[in-house]
Amino acid sequence: MSLADIQKEFADEYTALNETERQKISREHKENMSTKRTIRHPLPRSRLQDVANVKRNIINLVRKQLLYQFQLY
């Protein structure tokens, strides 16, 4: 169902609401959105990229530390 379909289906119902009812619906929606927590489900490819990035960063840190210790940096 697209947003346009939802609008067509519920437009009459929404216009029939008075201002306090609209504010109540809006407030409830904002509360739901603020308490709703999304959980990321990374794909295998993104996990693999994360591991590769961590590995690369560790190698760079160790390399810099070794260069610093031997004053080659």
C-alpha atoms as a PDB file:
ATOM      1  CA  MET A   1       0.000   0.000   0.000  1.00  0.00           C
ATOM      2  CA  SER A   2       1.507   3.306  -1.047  1.00  0.00           C
ATOM      3  CA  LEU A   3       1.271   6.610   0.768  1.00  0.00           C
ATOM      4  CA  ALA A   4      -1.108   7.899  -1.909  1.00  0.00           C
ATOM      5  CA  ASP A   5      -3.411   4.905  -1.335  1.00  0.00           C
ATOM      6  CA  ILE A   6      -3.412   5.522   2.406  1.00  0.00           C
ATOM      7  CA  GLN A   7      -4.218   9.180   1.860  1.00  0.00           C
ATOM      8  CA  LYS A   8      -7.125   8.331  -0.455  1.00  0.00           C
ATOM      9  CA  GLU A   9      -8.489   5.744   1.944  1.00  0.00           C
ATOM     10  CA  PHE A  10      -8.324   7.808   5.140  1.00  0.00           C
ATOM     11  CA  ALA A  11      -8.694  11.420   3.914  1.00  0.00           C
ATOM     12  CA  ASP A  12     -12.406  11.653   4.747  1.00  0.00           C
ATOM     13  CA  GLU A  13     -11.876  10.131   8.176  1.00  0.00           C
ATOM     14  CA  TYR A  14      -9.038  12.550   8.923  1.00  0.00           C
ATOM     15  CA  THR A  15     -10.976  15.641   7.824  1.00  0.00           C
ATOM     16  CA  ALA A  16     -13.877  14.546  10.063  1.00  0.00           C
ATOM     17  CA  LEU A  17     -11.635  14.781  13.153  1.00  0.00           C
ATOM     18  CA  ASN A  18     -11.685  17.913  15.279  1.00  0.00           C
ATOM     19  CA  GLU A  19      -8.496  19.727  16.272  1.00  0.00           C
ATOM     20  CA  THR A  20      -8.075  18.033  19.678  1.00  0.00           C
ATOM     21  CA  GLU A  21      -8.422  14.583  18.123  1.00  0.00           C
ATOM     22  CA  ARG A  22      -5.807  15.466  15.491  1.00  0.00           C
ATOM     23  CA  GLN A  23      -3.425  16.721  18.179  1.00  0.00           C
ATOM     24  CA  LYS A  24      -3.979  13.537  20.194  1.00  0.00           C
ATOM     25  CA  ILE A  25      -3.190  11.328  17.175  1.00  0.00           C
ATOM     26  CA  SER A  26      -0.136  13.419  16.363  1.00  0.00           C
ATOM     27  CA  ARG A  27       1.104  13.260  19.979  1.00  0.00           C
ATOM     28  CA  GLU A  28       0.612   9.482  20.145  1.00  0.00           C
ATOM     29  CA  HIS A  29       2.475   9.045  16.877  1.00  0.00           C
ATOM     30  CA  LYS A  30       5.405  11.150  18.135  1.00  0.00           C
ATOM     31  CA  GLU A  31       5.507   9.140  21.372  1.00  0.00           C
ATOM     32  CA  ASN A  32       5.529   5.873  19.440  1.00  0.00           C
ATOM     33  CA  MET A  33       8.327   7.091  17.196  1.00  0.00           C
ATOM     34  CA  SER A  34      10.433   8.280  20.141  1.00  0.00           C
ATOM     35  CA  THR A  35      10.098   4.980  22.027  1.00  0.00           C
ATOM     36  CA  LYS A  36      10.445   2.757  18.989  1.00  0.00           C
ATOM     37  CA  ARG A  37      13.941   1.405  18.647  1.00  0.00           C
ATOM     38  CA  THR A  38      15.159   0.128  15.365  1.00  0.00           C
ATOM     39  CA  ILE A  39      17.500  -2.811  15.246  1.00  0.00           C
ATOM     40  CA  ARG A  40      19.937  -2.934  12.418  1.00  0.00           C
ATOM     41  CA  HIS A  41      20.344  -6.288  10.807  1.00  0.00           C
ATOM     42  CA  PRO A  42      23.564  -5.944   8.882  1.00  0.00           C
ATOM     43  CA  LEU A  43      24.001  -8.041   5.837  1.00  0.00           C
ATOM     44  CA  PRO A  44      26.854 -10.550   5.611  1.00  0.00           C
ATOM     45  CA  ARG A  45      28.627  -8.274   3.166  1.00  0.00           C
ATOM     46  CA  SER A  46      28.529  -5.318   5.559  1.00  0.00           C
ATOM     47  CA  ARG A  47      29.798  -7.492   8.427  1.00  0.00           C
ATOM     48  CA  LEU A  48      32.634  -8.641   6.206  1.00  0.00           C
ATOM     49  CA  GLN A  49      33.459  -5.040   5.336  1.00  0.00           C
ATOM     50  CA  ASP A  50      33.420  -4.114   9.035  1.00  0.00           C
ATOM     51  CA  VAL A  51      35.882  -6.898   9.820  1.00  0.00           C
ATOM     52  CA  ALA A  52      38.122  -5.845   6.942  1.00  0.00           C
ATOM     53  CA  ASN A  53      38.056  -2.225   8.108  1.00  0.00           C
ATOM     54  CA  VAL A  54      38.903  -3.185  11.695  1.00  0.00           C
ATOM     55  CA  LYS A  55      41.749  -5.385  10.470  1.00  0.00           C
ATOM     56  CA  ARG A  56      43.105  -2.576   8.287  1.00  0.00           C
ATOM     57  CA  ASN A  57      42.902  -0.082  11.165  1.00  0.00           C
ATOM     58  CA  ILE A  58      44.681  -2.422  13.579  1.00  0.00           C
ATOM     59  CA  ILE A  59      47.437  -3.076  11.061  1.00  0.00           C
ATOM     60  CA  ASN A  60      47.878   0.660  10.531  1.00  0.00           C
ATOM     61  CA  LEU A  61      47.993   1.331  14.264  1.00  0.00           C
ATOM     62  CA  VAL A  62      50.551  -1.423  14.867  1.00  0.00           C
ATOM     63  CA  ARG A  63      52.614  -0.241  11.909  1.00  0.00           C
ATOM     64  CA  LYS A  64      52.627   3.344  13.217  1.00  0.00           C
ATOM     65  CA  GLN A  65      53.527   2.163  16.714  1.00  0.00           C
ATOM     66  CA  LEU A  66      56.437   0.091  15.379  1.00  0.00           C
ATOM     67  CA  LEU A  67      57.671   2.972  13.242  1.00  0.00           C
ATOM     68  CA  TYR A  68      57.457   5.281  16.243  1.00  0.00           C
ATOM     69  CA  GLN A  69      59.346   2.831  18.484  1.00  0.00           C
ATOM     70  CA  PHE A  70      62.163   2.495  15.982  1.00  0.00           C
ATOM     71  CA  GLN A  71      61.972   6.232  15.207  1.00  0.00           C
ATOM     72  CA  LEU A  72      61.350   5.637  11.549  1.00  0.00           C
ATOM     73  CA  TYR A  73      58.211   7.695  11.532  1.00  0.00           C
END
